[in-house]
């Protein structure tokens, strides 16, 4: 059997239970092949870390000064 038509005709000759078993095997096989063929471009991108949540965990509700603005004020003055 080398063509899809030959495979289809052979499957039609099988009992329904055996054809269903082959269909399940083929589905599992194709899902596994899809996992190995994925590329990094098709995978979902990773999200950025939540830096605000990390800051709240470390410092609590303290207000931290904006060091960039403070540095600019010192340069002017």
C-alpha atoms as a PDB file:
ATOM      1  CA  UNK A   1       0.000   0.000   0.000  1.00  0.00           C
ATOM      2  CA  UNK A   2       1.622   3.166  -1.123  1.00  0.00           C
ATOM      3  CA  UNK A   3      -1.214   5.523  -1.947  1.00  0.00           C
ATOM      4  CA  UNK A   4      -3.945   7.087   0.109  1.00  0.00           C
ATOM      5  CA  UNK A   5      -6.565   5.417  -2.076  1.00  0.00           C
ATOM      6  CA  UNK A   6      -5.125   1.965  -1.376  1.00  0.00           C
ATOM      7  CA  UNK A   7      -4.992   2.661   2.362  1.00  0.00           C
ATOM      8  CA  UNK A   8      -8.576   3.967   2.364  1.00  0.00           C
ATOM      9  CA  UNK A   9      -9.812   0.888   0.487  1.00  0.00           C
ATOM     10  CA  UNK A  10      -7.992  -1.427   2.922  1.00  0.00           C
ATOM     11  CA  UNK A  11      -9.498   0.418   5.914  1.00  0.00           C
ATOM     12  CA  UNK A  12     -12.995  -0.006   4.458  1.00  0.00           C
ATOM     13  CA  UNK A  13     -12.481  -3.770   4.442  1.00  0.00           C
ATOM     14  CA  UNK A  14     -11.585  -3.909   8.151  1.00  0.00           C
ATOM     15  CA  UNK A  15     -14.123  -4.372  10.939  1.00  0.00           C
ATOM     16  CA  UNK A  16     -15.212  -1.069  12.509  1.00  0.00           C
ATOM     17  CA  UNK A  17     -13.407  -1.754  15.820  1.00  0.00           C
ATOM     18  CA  UNK A  18     -10.073  -2.356  14.092  1.00  0.00           C
ATOM     19  CA  UNK A  19     -10.504   0.719  11.893  1.00  0.00           C
ATOM     20  CA  UNK A  20     -11.199   2.801  15.020  1.00  0.00           C
ATOM     21  CA  UNK A  21      -8.066   1.431  16.687  1.00  0.00           C
ATOM     22  CA  UNK A  22      -6.017   2.401  13.642  1.00  0.00           C
ATOM     23  CA  UNK A  23      -7.626   5.860  13.639  1.00  0.00           C
ATOM     24  CA  UNK A  24      -6.730   6.362  17.328  1.00  0.00           C
ATOM     25  CA  UNK A  25      -3.168   5.201  16.707  1.00  0.00           C
ATOM     26  CA  UNK A  26      -2.858   7.537  13.710  1.00  0.00           C
ATOM     27  CA  UNK A  27      -4.230  10.490  15.705  1.00  0.00           C
ATOM     28  CA  UNK A  28      -1.706   9.875  18.519  1.00  0.00           C
ATOM     29  CA  UNK A  29       1.084   9.468  15.990  1.00  0.00           C
ATOM     30  CA  UNK A  30       0.222  12.730  14.223  1.00  0.00           C
ATOM     31  CA  UNK A  31      -0.039  14.623  17.515  1.00  0.00           C
ATOM     32  CA  UNK A  32       3.385  13.346  18.535  1.00  0.00           C
ATOM     33  CA  UNK A  33       4.877  14.255  15.155  1.00  0.00           C
ATOM     34  CA  UNK A  34       3.381  17.730  15.465  1.00  0.00           C
ATOM     35  CA  UNK A  35       5.177  18.179  18.802  1.00  0.00           C
ATOM     36  CA  UNK A  36       8.538  17.329  17.282  1.00  0.00           C
ATOM     37  CA  UNK A  37       8.040  19.542  14.236  1.00  0.00           C
ATOM     38  CA  UNK A  38       7.178  22.756  16.070  1.00  0.00           C
ATOM     39  CA  UNK A  39       9.615  25.585  15.671  1.00  0.00           C
ATOM     40  CA  UNK A  40      10.417  28.361  18.075  1.00  0.00           C
ATOM     41  CA  UNK A  41       8.607  30.828  15.805  1.00  0.00           C
ATOM     42  CA  UNK A  42       5.329  28.937  16.099  1.00  0.00           C
ATOM     43  CA  UNK A  43       5.501  28.589  19.882  1.00  0.00           C
ATOM     44  CA  UNK A  44       3.806  31.157  22.057  1.00  0.00           C
ATOM     45  CA  UNK A  45       6.211  33.807  23.310  1.00  0.00           C
ATOM     46  CA  UNK A  46       7.045  33.906  26.984  1.00  0.00           C
ATOM     47  CA  UNK A  47       5.654  36.807  28.953  1.00  0.00           C
ATOM     48  CA  UNK A  48       7.831  39.326  30.735  1.00  0.00           C
ATOM     49  CA  UNK A  49       8.257  39.012  34.502  1.00  0.00           C
ATOM     50  CA  UNK A  50       5.972  41.135  36.666  1.00  0.00           C
ATOM     51  CA  UNK A  51       8.525  43.535  38.106  1.00  0.00           C
ATOM     52  CA  UNK A  52       5.896  45.565  39.965  1.00  0.00           C
ATOM     53  CA  UNK A  53       4.709  42.468  41.831  1.00  0.00           C
ATOM     54  CA  UNK A  54       8.293  41.556  42.662  1.00  0.00           C
ATOM     55  CA  UNK A  55       8.974  45.076  43.970  1.00  0.00           C
ATOM     56  CA  UNK A  56       5.831  44.911  46.141  1.00  0.00           C
ATOM     57  CA  UNK A  57       6.968  41.548  47.514  1.00  0.00           C
ATOM     58  CA  UNK A  58      10.387  42.907  48.449  1.00  0.00           C
ATOM     59  CA  UNK A  59       9.576  46.448  49.598  1.00  0.00           C
ATOM     60  CA  UNK A  60       5.860  46.284  50.451  1.00  0.00           C
ATOM     61  CA  UNK A  61       3.850  49.479  49.932  1.00  0.00           C
ATOM     62  CA  UNK A  62       6.811  51.863  50.332  1.00  0.00           C
ATOM     63  CA  UNK A  63       7.085  54.570  47.701  1.00  0.00           C
ATOM     64  CA  UNK A  64      10.487  54.489  46.078  1.00  0.00           C
ATOM     65  CA  UNK A  65      12.013  57.648  44.641  1.00  0.00           C
ATOM     66  CA  UNK A  66      12.546  57.904  40.899  1.00  0.00           C
ATOM     67  CA  UNK A  67      16.330  57.861  40.765  1.00  0.00           C
ATOM     68  CA  UNK A  68      16.442  59.163  37.181  1.00  0.00           C
ATOM     69  CA  UNK A  69      14.524  62.307  38.102  1.00  0.00           C
ATOM     70  CA  UNK A  70      16.642  62.848  41.195  1.00  0.00           C
ATOM     71  CA  UNK A  71      19.840  62.500  39.145  1.00  0.00           C
ATOM     72  CA  UNK A  72      18.595  65.015  36.566  1.00  0.00           C
ATOM     73  CA  UNK A  73      17.758  67.520  39.317  1.00  0.00           C
ATOM     74  CA  UNK A  74      21.261  67.145  40.737  1.00  0.00           C
ATOM     75  CA  UNK A  75      22.821  67.729  37.305  1.00  0.00           C
ATOM     76  CA  UNK A  76      20.878  70.969  36.864  1.00  0.00           C
ATOM     77  CA  UNK A  77      21.538  72.312  40.329  1.00  0.00           C
END
